[in-house]
Amino acid sequence: MTVTVNGAERHVEDGTSLADVVASVTSTAEGSARGIAVAVNGAVVRRASWGSTTLVPDDHVEVLTAVQGG
């Protein structure tokens, strides 16, 4: 199936969780994902729900990472 991640189409397997996509984008395990915010179709998803949130075709996922500096 196809989903959009940070503006780019990506093919993922049926049943792919949001946690799987976040890990592939950030190279980070869910438990160590400090400073990362995620939204699906414009709605923020709490980190505790990433593993149980299953993506469906045409979902739009935005993964944002906080960066320190100025």
PDB file of N, CA and C in Angstrom:
ATOM      1  N   MET A   1       0.849  -1.169   0.000  1.00  0.00           N
ATOM      2  CA  MET A   1       0.000   0.000   0.000  1.00  0.00           C
ATOM      3  C   MET A   1       0.899   1.239   0.000  1.00  0.00           C
ATOM      4  N   THR A   2       0.332   2.351  -0.356  1.00  0.00           N
ATOM      5  CA  THR A   2       1.093   3.595  -0.427  1.00  0.00           C
ATOM      6  C   THR A   2       0.618   4.565   0.644  1.00  0.00           C
ATOM      7  N   VAL A   3       1.563   5.131   1.384  1.00  0.00           N
ATOM      8  CA  VAL A   3       1.292   6.206   2.330  1.00  0.00           C
ATOM      9  C   VAL A   3       2.257   7.347   1.998  1.00  0.00           C
ATOM     10  N   THR A   4       1.959   8.515   2.501  1.00  0.00           N
ATOM     11  CA  THR A   4       2.846   9.653   2.302  1.00  0.00           C
ATOM     12  C   THR A   4       3.529   9.963   3.629  1.00  0.00           C
ATOM     13  N   VAL A   5       4.857   9.992   3.620  1.00  0.00           N
ATOM     14  CA  VAL A   5       5.633  10.265   4.830  1.00  0.00           C
ATOM     15  C   VAL A   5       6.482  11.496   4.571  1.00  0.00           C
ATOM     16  N   ASN A   6       6.234  12.536   5.336  1.00  0.00           N
ATOM     17  CA  ASN A   6       6.958  13.804   5.185  1.00  0.00           C
ATOM     18  C   ASN A   6       6.957  14.275   3.726  1.00  0.00           C
ATOM     19  N   GLY A   7       5.802  14.146   3.080  1.00  0.00           N
ATOM     20  CA  GLY A   7       5.632  14.650   1.730  1.00  0.00           C
ATOM     21  C   GLY A   7       6.070  13.730   0.607  1.00  0.00           C
ATOM     22  N   ALA A   8       6.620  12.564   0.932  1.00  0.00           N
ATOM     23  CA  ALA A   8       7.091  11.630  -0.090  1.00  0.00           C
ATOM     24  C   ALA A   8       6.287  10.331  -0.015  1.00  0.00           C
ATOM     25  N   GLU A   9       5.858   9.850  -1.183  1.00  0.00           N
ATOM     26  CA  GLU A   9       5.139   8.585  -1.194  1.00  0.00           C
ATOM     27  C   GLU A   9       6.081   7.454  -0.818  1.00  0.00           C
ATOM     28  N   ARG A  10       5.538   6.509  -0.058  1.00  0.00           N
ATOM     29  CA  ARG A  10       6.326   5.368   0.398  1.00  0.00           C
ATOM     30  C   ARG A  10       5.443   4.131   0.347  1.00  0.00           C
ATOM     31  N   HIS A  11       5.986   3.054  -0.143  1.00  0.00           N
ATOM     32  CA  HIS A  11       5.255   1.791  -0.179  1.00  0.00           C
ATOM     33  C   HIS A  11       5.590   1.016   1.089  1.00  0.00           C
ATOM     34  N   VAL A  12       4.550   0.590   1.806  1.00  0.00           N
ATOM     35  CA  VAL A  12       4.714  -0.190   3.031  1.00  0.00           C
ATOM     36  C   VAL A  12       3.787  -1.397   2.961  1.00  0.00           C
ATOM     37  N   GLU A  13       4.077  -2.388   3.765  1.00  0.00           N
ATOM     38  CA  GLU A  13       3.255  -3.597   3.823  1.00  0.00           C
ATOM     39  C   GLU A  13       1.927  -3.295   4.518  1.00  0.00           C
ATOM     40  N   ASP A  14       0.883  -4.019   4.132  1.00  0.00           N
ATOM     41  CA  ASP A  14      -0.386  -3.930   4.855  1.00  0.00           C
ATOM     42  C   ASP A  14      -0.131  -4.258   6.316  1.00  0.00           C
ATOM     43  N   GLY A  15      -0.777  -3.545   7.213  1.00  0.00           N
ATOM     44  CA  GLY A  15      -0.615  -3.792   8.644  1.00  0.00           C
ATOM     45  C   GLY A  15       0.571  -3.085   9.264  1.00  0.00           C
ATOM     46  N   THR A  16       1.274  -2.246   8.503  1.00  0.00           N
ATOM     47  CA  THR A  16       2.428  -1.525   9.043  1.00  0.00           C
ATOM     48  C   THR A  16       1.964  -0.559  10.130  1.00  0.00           C
ATOM     49  N   SER A  17       2.673  -0.559  11.250  1.00  0.00           N
ATOM     50  CA  SER A  17       2.311   0.341  12.345  1.00  0.00           C
ATOM     51  C   SER A  17       3.024   1.678  12.187  1.00  0.00           C
ATOM     52  N   LEU A  18       2.490   2.656  12.852  1.00  0.00           N
ATOM     53  CA  LEU A  18       3.113   3.976  12.864  1.00  0.00           C
ATOM     54  C   LEU A  18       4.509   3.893  13.477  1.00  0.00           C
ATOM     55  N   ALA A  19       4.683   3.049  14.489  1.00  0.00           N
ATOM     56  CA  ALA A  19       6.001   2.872  15.110  1.00  0.00           C
ATOM     57  C   ALA A  19       7.026   2.381  14.093  1.00  0.00           C
ATOM     58  N   ASP A  20       6.619   1.482  13.201  1.00  0.00           N
ATOM     59  CA  ASP A  20       7.525   0.972  12.170  1.00  0.00           C
ATOM     60  C   ASP A  20       7.987   2.098  11.253  1.00  0.00           C
ATOM     61  N   VAL A  21       7.052   2.951  10.850  1.00  0.00           N
ATOM     62  CA  VAL A  21       7.402   4.060   9.953  1.00  0.00           C
ATOM     63  C   VAL A  21       8.301   5.064  10.660  1.00  0.00           C
ATOM     64  N   VAL A  22       7.989   5.386  11.904  1.00  0.00           N
ATOM     65  CA  VAL A  22       8.826   6.327  12.660  1.00  0.00           C
ATOM     66  C   VAL A  22      10.244   5.779  12.785  1.00  0.00           C
ATOM     67  N   ALA A  23      10.372   4.501  13.098  1.00  0.00           N
ATOM     68  CA  ALA A  23      11.697   3.890  13.232  1.00  0.00           C
ATOM     69  C   ALA A  23      12.464   3.945  11.919  1.00  0.00           C
ATOM     70  N   SER A  24      11.772   3.752  10.805  1.00  0.00           N
ATOM     71  CA  SER A  24      12.467   3.762   9.516  1.00  0.00           C
ATOM     72  C   SER A  24      12.901   5.166   9.109  1.00  0.00           C
ATOM     73  N   VAL A  25      12.179   6.164   9.555  1.00  0.00           N
ATOM     74  CA  VAL A  25      12.504   7.546   9.206  1.00  0.00           C
ATOM     75  C   VAL A  25      13.578   8.112  10.123  1.00  0.00           C
ATOM     76  N   THR A  26      13.551   7.721  11.395  1.00  0.00           N
ATOM     77  CA  THR A  26      14.445   8.325  12.379  1.00  0.00           C
ATOM     78  C   THR A  26      15.571   7.419  12.827  1.00  0.00           C
ATOM     79  N   SER A  27      15.538   6.144  12.461  1.00  0.00           N
ATOM     80  CA  SER A  27      16.516   5.157  12.948  1.00  0.00           C
ATOM     81  C   SER A  27      16.520   5.121  14.467  1.00  0.00           C
ATOM     82  N   THR A  28      15.322   5.220  15.048  1.00  0.00           N
ATOM     83  CA  THR A  28      15.163   5.268  16.491  1.00  0.00           C
ATOM     84  C   THR A  28      14.111   4.273  16.924  1.00  0.00           C
ATOM     85  N   ALA A  29      14.385   3.589  18.034  1.00  0.00           N
ATOM     86  CA  ALA A  29      13.377   2.704  18.605  1.00  0.00           C
ATOM     87  C   ALA A  29      12.316   3.548  19.293  1.00  0.00           C
ATOM     88  N   GLU A  30      11.107   3.024  19.379  1.00  0.00           N
ATOM     89  CA  GLU A  30       9.996   3.783  19.966  1.00  0.00           C
ATOM     90  C   GLU A  30      10.314   4.274  21.376  1.00  0.00           C
ATOM     91  N   GLY A  31      10.959   3.453  22.179  1.00  0.00           N
ATOM     92  CA  GLY A  31      11.241   3.824  23.557  1.00  0.00           C
ATOM     93  C   GLY A  31      12.242   4.955  23.708  1.00  0.00           C
ATOM     94  N   SER A  32      13.074   5.185  22.689  1.00  0.00           N
ATOM     95  CA  SER A  32      14.075   6.245  22.786  1.00  0.00           C
ATOM     96  C   SER A  32      13.775   7.398  21.836  1.00  0.00           C
ATOM     97  N   ALA A  33      12.515   7.588  21.530  1.00  0.00           N
ATOM     98  CA  ALA A  33      12.108   8.589  20.538  1.00  0.00           C
ATOM     99  C   ALA A  33      11.859   9.956  21.163  1.00  0.00           C
ATOM    100  N   ARG A  34      12.718  10.377  22.051  1.00  0.00           N
ATOM    101  CA  ARG A  34      12.555  11.692  22.674  1.00  0.00           C
ATOM    102  C   ARG A  34      12.736  12.784  21.628  1.00  0.00           C
ATOM    103  N   GLY A  35      11.907  13.813  21.713  1.00  0.00           N
ATOM    104  CA  GLY A  35      12.025  14.931  20.801  1.00  0.00           C
ATOM    105  C   GLY A  35      11.391  14.697  19.444  1.00  0.00           C
ATOM    106  N   ILE A  36      10.574  13.644  19.324  1.00  0.00           N
ATOM    107  CA  ILE A  36       9.917  13.348  18.055  1.00  0.00           C
ATOM    108  C   ILE A  36       8.408  13.485  18.244  1.00  0.00           C
ATOM    109  N   ALA A  37       7.777  14.189  17.309  1.00  0.00           N
ATOM    110  CA  ALA A  37       6.320  14.311  17.291  1.00  0.00           C
ATOM    111  C   ALA A  37       5.827  13.748  15.966  1.00  0.00           C
ATOM    112  N   VAL A  38       4.666  13.092  15.999  1.00  0.00           N
ATOM    113  CA  VAL A  38       4.134  12.454  14.803  1.00  0.00           C
ATOM    114  C   VAL A  38       2.652  12.782  14.664  1.00  0.00           C
ATOM    115  N   ALA A  39       2.258  13.063  13.427  1.00  0.00           N
ATOM    116  CA  ALA A  39       0.848  13.289  13.119  1.00  0.00           C
ATOM    117  C   ALA A  39       0.449  12.401  11.952  1.00  0.00           C
ATOM    118  N   VAL A  40      -0.771  11.899  12.000  1.00  0.00           N
ATOM    119  CA  VAL A  40      -1.340  11.131  10.891  1.00  0.00           C
ATOM    120  C   VAL A  40      -2.591  11.872  10.433  1.00  0.00           C
ATOM    121  N   ASN A  41      -2.596  12.231   9.169  1.00  0.00           N
ATOM    122  CA  ASN A  41      -3.715  12.971   8.589  1.00  0.00           C
ATOM    123  C   ASN A  41      -4.048  14.230   9.386  1.00  0.00           C
ATOM    124  N   GLY A  42      -2.997  14.887   9.873  1.00  0.00           N
ATOM    125  CA  GLY A  42      -3.151  16.158  10.574  1.00  0.00           C
ATOM    126  C   GLY A  42      -3.438  16.061  12.060  1.00  0.00           C
ATOM    127  N   ALA A  43      -3.595  14.866  12.599  1.00  0.00           N
ATOM    128  CA  ALA A  43      -3.871  14.683  14.022  1.00  0.00           C
ATOM    129  C   ALA A  43      -2.644  14.102  14.718  1.00  0.00           C
ATOM    130  N   VAL A  44      -2.203  14.758  15.784  1.00  0.00           N
ATOM    131  CA  VAL A  44      -1.048  14.283  16.544  1.00  0.00           C
ATOM    132  C   VAL A  44      -1.395  12.942  17.191  1.00  0.00           C
ATOM    133  N   VAL A  45      -0.445  12.014  17.123  1.00  0.00           N
ATOM    134  CA  VAL A  45      -0.621  10.686  17.723  1.00  0.00           C
ATOM    135  C   VAL A  45       0.353  10.573  18.892  1.00  0.00           C
ATOM    136  N   ARG A  46      -0.186  10.262  20.063  1.00  0.00           N
ATOM    137  CA  ARG A  46       0.669  10.106  21.247  1.00  0.00           C
ATOM    138  C   ARG A  46       1.635   8.949  21.063  1.00  0.00           C
ATOM    139  N   ARG A  47       2.840   9.101  21.584  1.00  0.00           N
ATOM    140  CA  ARG A  47       3.871   8.069  21.458  1.00  0.00           C
ATOM    141  C   ARG A  47       3.375   6.709  21.950  1.00  0.00           C
ATOM    142  N   ALA A  48       2.589   6.698  23.009  1.00  0.00           N
ATOM    143  CA  ALA A  48       2.079   5.431  23.551  1.00  0.00           C
ATOM    144  C   ALA A  48       1.187   4.697  22.556  1.00  0.00           C
ATOM    145  N   SER A  49       0.674   5.395  21.557  1.00  0.00           N
ATOM    146  CA  SER A  49      -0.225   4.791  20.564  1.00  0.00           C
ATOM    147  C   SER A  49       0.459   4.438  19.247  1.00  0.00           C
ATOM    148  N   TRP A  50       1.726   4.757  19.084  1.00  0.00           N
ATOM    149  CA  TRP A  50       2.408   4.492  17.816  1.00  0.00           C
ATOM    150  C   TRP A  50       2.356   3.018  17.435  1.00  0.00           C
ATOM    151  N   GLY A  51       2.608   2.137  18.370  1.00  0.00           N
ATOM    152  CA  GLY A  51       2.649   0.707  18.074  1.00  0.00           C
ATOM    153  C   GLY A  51       1.293   0.124  17.728  1.00  0.00           C
ATOM    154  N   SER A  52       0.238   0.707  18.269  1.00  0.00           N
ATOM    155  CA  SER A  52      -1.107   0.179  18.017  1.00  0.00           C
ATOM    156  C   SER A  52      -1.835   0.929  16.901  1.00  0.00           C
ATOM    157  N   THR A  53      -1.192   1.932  16.321  1.00  0.00           N
ATOM    158  CA  THR A  53      -1.792   2.673  15.213  1.00  0.00           C
ATOM    159  C   THR A  53      -1.351   2.031  13.902  1.00  0.00           C
ATOM    160  N   THR A  54      -2.304   1.405  13.218  1.00  0.00           N
ATOM    161  CA  THR A  54      -2.024   0.744  11.952  1.00  0.00           C
ATOM    162  C   THR A  54      -2.359   1.702  10.814  1.00  0.00           C
ATOM    163  N   LEU A  55      -1.431   1.852   9.902  1.00  0.00           N
ATOM    164  CA  LEU A  55      -1.645   2.754   8.781  1.00  0.00           C
ATOM    165  C   LEU A  55      -2.542   2.104   7.732  1.00  0.00           C
ATOM    166  N   VAL A  56      -3.266   2.953   7.009  1.00  0.00           N
ATOM    167  CA  VAL A  56      -4.130   2.498   5.918  1.00  0.00           C
ATOM    168  C   VAL A  56      -3.714   3.236   4.653  1.00  0.00           C
ATOM    169  N   PRO A  57      -4.087   2.713   3.481  1.00  0.00           N
ATOM    170  CA  PRO A  57      -3.684   3.362   2.232  1.00  0.00           C
ATOM    171  C   PRO A  57      -4.052   4.857   2.212  1.00  0.00           C
ATOM    172  N   ASP A  58      -3.138   5.635   1.665  1.00  0.00           N
ATOM    173  CA  ASP A  58      -3.292   7.077   1.487  1.00  0.00           C
ATOM    174  C   ASP A  58      -3.181   7.887   2.774  1.00  0.00           C
ATOM    175  N   ASP A  59      -2.775   7.273   3.898  1.00  0.00           N
ATOM    176  CA  ASP A  59      -2.514   8.059   5.106  1.00  0.00           C
ATOM    177  C   ASP A  59      -1.370   9.024   4.831  1.00  0.00           C
ATOM    178  N   HIS A  60      -1.432  10.179   5.493  1.00  0.00           N
ATOM    179  CA  HIS A  60      -0.359  11.171   5.420  1.00  0.00           C
ATOM    180  C   HIS A  60       0.277  11.255   6.803  1.00  0.00           C
ATOM    181  N   VAL A  61       1.559  10.910   6.868  1.00  0.00           N
ATOM    182  CA  VAL A  61       2.299  10.889   8.134  1.00  0.00           C
ATOM    183  C   VAL A  61       3.345  11.997   8.114  1.00  0.00           C
ATOM    184  N   GLU A  62       3.385  12.764   9.184  1.00  0.00           N
ATOM    185  CA  GLU A  62       4.429  13.785   9.340  1.00  0.00           C
ATOM    186  C   GLU A  62       5.219  13.443  10.594  1.00  0.00           C
ATOM    187  N   VAL A  63       6.531  13.322  10.443  1.00  0.00           N
ATOM    188  CA  VAL A  63       7.429  13.023  11.558  1.00  0.00           C
ATOM    189  C   VAL A  63       8.308  14.238  11.753  1.00  0.00           C
ATOM    190  N   LEU A  64       8.224  14.843  12.927  1.00  0.00           N
ATOM    191  CA  LEU A  64       8.995  16.044  13.237  1.00  0.00           C
ATOM    192  C   LEU A  64       9.978  15.748  14.357  1.00  0.00           C
ATOM    193  N   THR A  65      11.198  16.235  14.204  1.00  0.00           N
ATOM    194  CA  THR A  65      12.229  16.023  15.212  1.00  0.00           C
ATOM    195  C   THR A  65      12.679  17.368  15.753  1.00  0.00           C
ATOM    196  N   ALA A  66      12.668  17.511  17.070  1.00  0.00           N
ATOM    197  CA  ALA A  66      13.154  18.733  17.702  1.00  0.00           C
ATOM    198  C   ALA A  66      14.670  18.801  17.563  1.00  0.00           C
ATOM    199  N   VAL A  67      15.171  19.982  17.247  1.00  0.00           N
ATOM    200  CA  VAL A  67      16.600  20.173  17.078  1.00  0.00           C
ATOM    201  C   VAL A  67      17.045  21.311  17.988  1.00  0.00           C
ATOM    202  N   GLN A  68      18.170  21.121  18.649  1.00  0.00           N
ATOM    203  CA  GLN A  68      18.686  22.132  19.539  1.00  0.00           C
ATOM    204  C   GLN A  68      19.675  23.017  18.790  1.00  0.00           C
ATOM    205  N   GLY A  69      19.686  24.260  19.114  1.00  0.00           N
ATOM    206  CA  GLY A  69      20.632  25.163  18.480  1.00  0.00           C
ATOM    207  C   GLY A  69      19.976  26.492  18.163  1.00  0.00           C
ATOM    208  N   GLY A  70      20.720  27.343  17.569  1.00  0.00           N
ATOM    209  CA  GLY A  70      20.109  28.630  17.287  1.00  0.00           C
ATOM    210  C   GLY A  70      20.811  29.419  16.324  1.00  0.00           C
TER     211      GLY A  70
END
